Amino acid sequence: MDTSVKISRENHLNHLVAIMPLISILYCIQCIIMYNFSADIQIGDYAISLGVMISVILGMMVHYDNNHNIYIYKDHLHVKFSTLGTDERIEMSSIQEIITSNKECQFSNIILKTKDNKRYIFYFIDFPLKTKALIESHINEVEDLFSNAA
């Protein structure tokens, strides 16, 4: 069986946990403002709906981080997200361009452009420049393999 490297999103999950106190404080401030300045809005309904929306957004981000899996193999990428029924194989030889931030950071997005004009966007990838370099090294290995065989 082929060995693979799983692309990580741990830094994004850690970031979400780190900003939870800030999100909670902003939530409380919004509820206080609405309570003090708006007599027409039922603060209980407002607080519950705002809390549910924040919880849903954060829950969806955590679900995405944990379930959208990208594996790097020698000759392809395997992208799987069962929630949306995605299970794709992207050949290294079909990747034309990899776009990400110009500076290394804890997490960022990576865009893959393929030779058949498809675009794949991967969100919240840890250390995007290192991940890009790893994918490019596999692309170069595949190209070298094909050029040596010719």
Protein backbone atom coordinates (compact mmCIF):
# COMPACT_ATOMS: atom_id res chain seq x y z
CA MET A 1 0.00 0.00 0.00
CA ASP A 2 1.12 3.50 -0.86
CA THR A 3 2.17 5.66 2.05
CA SER A 4 0.63 9.10 2.34
CA VAL A 5 0.93 12.36 4.23
CA LYS A 6 -2.27 13.87 5.59
CA ILE A 7 -2.55 17.63 5.25
CA SER A 8 -3.24 19.07 8.69
CA ARG A 9 -5.59 21.77 9.94
CA GLU A 10 -4.58 21.60 13.62
CA ASN A 11 -3.42 25.22 13.70
CA HIS A 12 -6.85 26.42 12.59
CA LEU A 13 -8.55 24.33 15.27
CA ASN A 14 -6.14 25.72 17.87
CA HIS A 15 -6.91 29.24 16.63
CA LEU A 16 -10.66 28.65 17.00
CA VAL A 17 -10.15 27.54 20.59
CA ALA A 18 -7.90 30.54 21.29
CA ILE A 19 -10.44 33.09 20.03
CA MET A 20 -13.47 31.58 21.82
CA PRO A 21 -13.16 34.00 24.77
CA LEU A 22 -13.17 36.95 22.35
CA ILE A 23 -16.20 35.59 20.52
CA SER A 24 -17.99 35.10 23.85
CA ILE A 25 -17.21 38.66 24.97
CA LEU A 26 -18.44 40.10 21.65
CA TYR A 27 -21.60 38.01 21.96
CA CYS A 28 -22.26 39.43 25.45
CA ILE A 29 -21.57 43.00 24.30
CA GLN A 30 -24.04 42.63 21.42
CA CYS A 31 -26.71 41.30 23.77
CA ILE A 32 -26.14 44.18 26.24
CA ILE A 33 -26.30 46.77 23.45
CA MET A 34 -29.52 45.29 22.12
CA TYR A 35 -30.99 45.18 25.64
CA ASN A 36 -30.14 48.82 26.37
CA PHE A 37 -30.98 50.40 23.02
CA SER A 38 -33.86 48.46 21.57
CA ALA A 39 -37.16 48.06 23.36
CA ASP A 40 -38.80 46.38 20.35
CA ILE A 41 -36.58 43.29 20.30
CA GLN A 42 -37.15 40.49 22.79
CA ILE A 43 -33.64 40.09 24.19
CA GLY A 44 -34.20 36.44 25.06
CA ASP A 45 -35.11 35.54 21.47
CA TYR A 46 -32.24 37.67 20.15
CA ALA A 47 -29.70 36.10 22.51
CA ILE A 48 -30.82 32.57 21.69
CA SER A 49 -30.81 33.12 17.91
CA LEU A 50 -27.41 34.86 18.00
CA GLY A 51 -25.98 32.09 20.19
CA VAL A 52 -27.36 29.37 17.90
CA MET A 53 -25.89 31.08 14.81
CA ILE A 54 -22.44 31.42 16.42
CA SER A 55 -22.55 27.77 17.53
CA VAL A 56 -23.58 26.57 14.08
CA ILE A 57 -20.81 28.54 12.34
CA LEU A 58 -18.13 27.29 14.74
CA GLY A 59 -19.49 23.74 14.59
CA MET A 60 -19.40 23.78 10.80
CA MET A 61 -15.78 25.00 10.81
CA VAL A 62 -14.71 22.28 13.25
CA HIS A 63 -16.60 19.66 11.20
CA TYR A 64 -14.86 20.84 8.02
CA ASP A 65 -11.43 20.83 9.68
CA ASN A 66 -11.92 17.29 11.01
CA ASN A 67 -13.67 15.69 8.02
CA HIS A 68 -12.27 17.30 4.86
CA ASN A 69 -9.24 15.07 4.41
CA ILE A 70 -6.45 15.60 1.89
CA TYR A 71 -3.76 12.97 1.51
CA ILE A 72 -0.55 13.45 -0.47
CA TYR A 73 0.68 10.32 -2.23
CA LYS A 74 3.71 10.06 -4.51
CA ASP A 75 1.68 10.41 -7.71
CA HIS A 76 -1.64 11.94 -6.63
CA LEU A 77 -3.68 13.81 -4.04
CA HIS A 78 -6.72 12.13 -2.54
CA VAL A 79 -9.43 14.57 -1.44
CA LYS A 80 -12.30 13.20 0.63
CA PHE A 81 -15.20 15.03 2.27
CA SER A 82 -17.98 12.54 2.86
CA THR A 83 -20.41 15.25 4.05
CA LEU A 84 -20.63 16.53 0.47
CA GLY A 85 -19.90 13.18 -1.17
CA THR A 86 -16.49 14.30 -2.44
CA ASP A 87 -13.94 11.57 -3.10
CA GLU A 88 -11.50 12.72 -5.77
CA ARG A 89 -8.10 11.79 -7.01
CA ILE A 90 -5.94 14.60 -8.40
CA GLU A 91 -2.95 13.34 -10.36
CA MET A 92 0.30 15.19 -9.66
CA SER A 93 0.93 15.36 -13.40
CA SER A 94 -2.33 17.28 -13.89
CA ILE A 95 -1.47 20.10 -11.46
CA GLN A 96 -0.52 23.24 -13.33
CA GLU A 97 -0.23 25.79 -10.53
CA ILE A 98 -0.35 25.97 -6.74
CA ILE A 99 -1.38 29.32 -5.27
CA THR A 100 -1.04 30.26 -1.62
CA SER A 101 0.18 33.09 0.58
CA ASN A 102 3.59 34.58 -0.19
CA LYS A 103 4.69 34.39 3.43
CA GLU A 104 4.64 31.35 5.70
CA CYS A 105 1.90 31.51 8.31
CA GLN A 106 0.15 29.20 10.76
CA PHE A 107 -2.68 28.43 8.32
CA SER A 108 -4.01 29.69 5.02
CA ASN A 109 -5.79 28.56 1.87
CA ILE A 110 -4.24 26.69 -1.02
CA ILE A 111 -5.63 26.81 -4.55
CA LEU A 112 -4.70 24.13 -7.06
CA LYS A 113 -5.20 24.79 -10.76
CA THR A 114 -5.11 21.78 -13.04
CA LYS A 115 -4.29 21.52 -16.74
CA ASP A 116 -7.96 20.85 -17.53
CA ASN A 117 -8.92 24.24 -15.96
CA LYS A 118 -10.33 22.87 -12.70
CA ARG A 119 -9.71 24.72 -9.46
CA TYR A 120 -9.53 23.10 -6.07
CA ILE A 121 -9.58 25.34 -3.00
CA PHE A 122 -8.42 23.90 0.31
CA TYR A 123 -9.16 26.09 3.34
CA PHE A 124 -7.22 26.49 6.60
CA ILE A 125 -4.16 24.40 5.63
CA ASP A 126 -1.32 24.39 8.18
CA PHE A 127 1.95 25.94 6.98
CA PRO A 128 0.81 26.48 3.38
CA LEU A 129 4.27 27.19 1.92
CA LYS A 130 5.69 23.96 3.35
CA THR A 131 2.65 22.07 2.06
CA LYS A 132 3.06 23.68 -1.36
CA ALA A 133 6.76 22.72 -1.40
CA LEU A 134 5.87 19.12 -0.50
CA ILE A 135 3.32 18.87 -3.31
CA GLU A 136 5.76 20.48 -5.77
CA SER A 137 8.47 18.00 -4.79
CA HIS A 138 6.08 15.14 -5.60
CA ILE A 139 5.18 16.80 -8.92
CA ASN A 140 8.90 17.05 -9.77
CA GLU A 141 9.44 13.38 -8.86
CA VAL A 142 6.62 12.35 -11.19
CA GLU A 143 7.99 14.55 -14.00
CA ASP A 144 11.50 13.14 -13.50
CA LEU A 145 10.12 9.61 -13.58
CA PHE A 146 8.35 10.28 -16.89
CA SER A 147 11.36 12.05 -18.43
CA ASN A 148 13.72 9.20 -17.43
CA ALA A 149 11.35 6.63 -18.89
CA ALA A 150 11.30 8.41 -22.26
